[in-house]
Amino acid sequence: MAFQIDDSRPIFMQIADKIEDDIIEERLPEETQVPSTNQFAAFYQINPATAAKGVNLLVDQGILYKKRGIGMFVATGAREQLIEKRKTEFYEQYVVAMVKEAAKLGITKDQLSEMIRRGEQD
């Protein structure tokens, strides 16, 4: 569960992102149990309510579900759902901004494609 808490973002969102990363990278496969909010709280030395807020964010999105008396589990299809969500965010945050900046600077589509290919080699 190693990762550093970043002061620039709400902790509950970082907990949710960490769980998402673990699901996408298959450290938490579908239908496996996730650590409890008390385990997150103890490990990261945060308030259990903060950890619960991050977990509940994923429950609300259908990524995790609760088995009464047992704990939280990764839902079937969660990984694919998260990958699609991240692709949409990537497009909105990076691609749209890059294309707008390229247009502003007079960079053609061919030049932009070449820059991306060059970026893959670096």
Foldseek 3Di string as FASTA:
>chain_A
DDDDQDPVDQRLQVLLVVVLVCDLVVVADAFRADDALVVVCVVRVHDSVSPVSSVVVCVVVVQWDADPPPHIGGHVPNNVVSVVVVVVVCCVPPVVVVVVVCVVVVNDPVNVVVVVVVVVVD
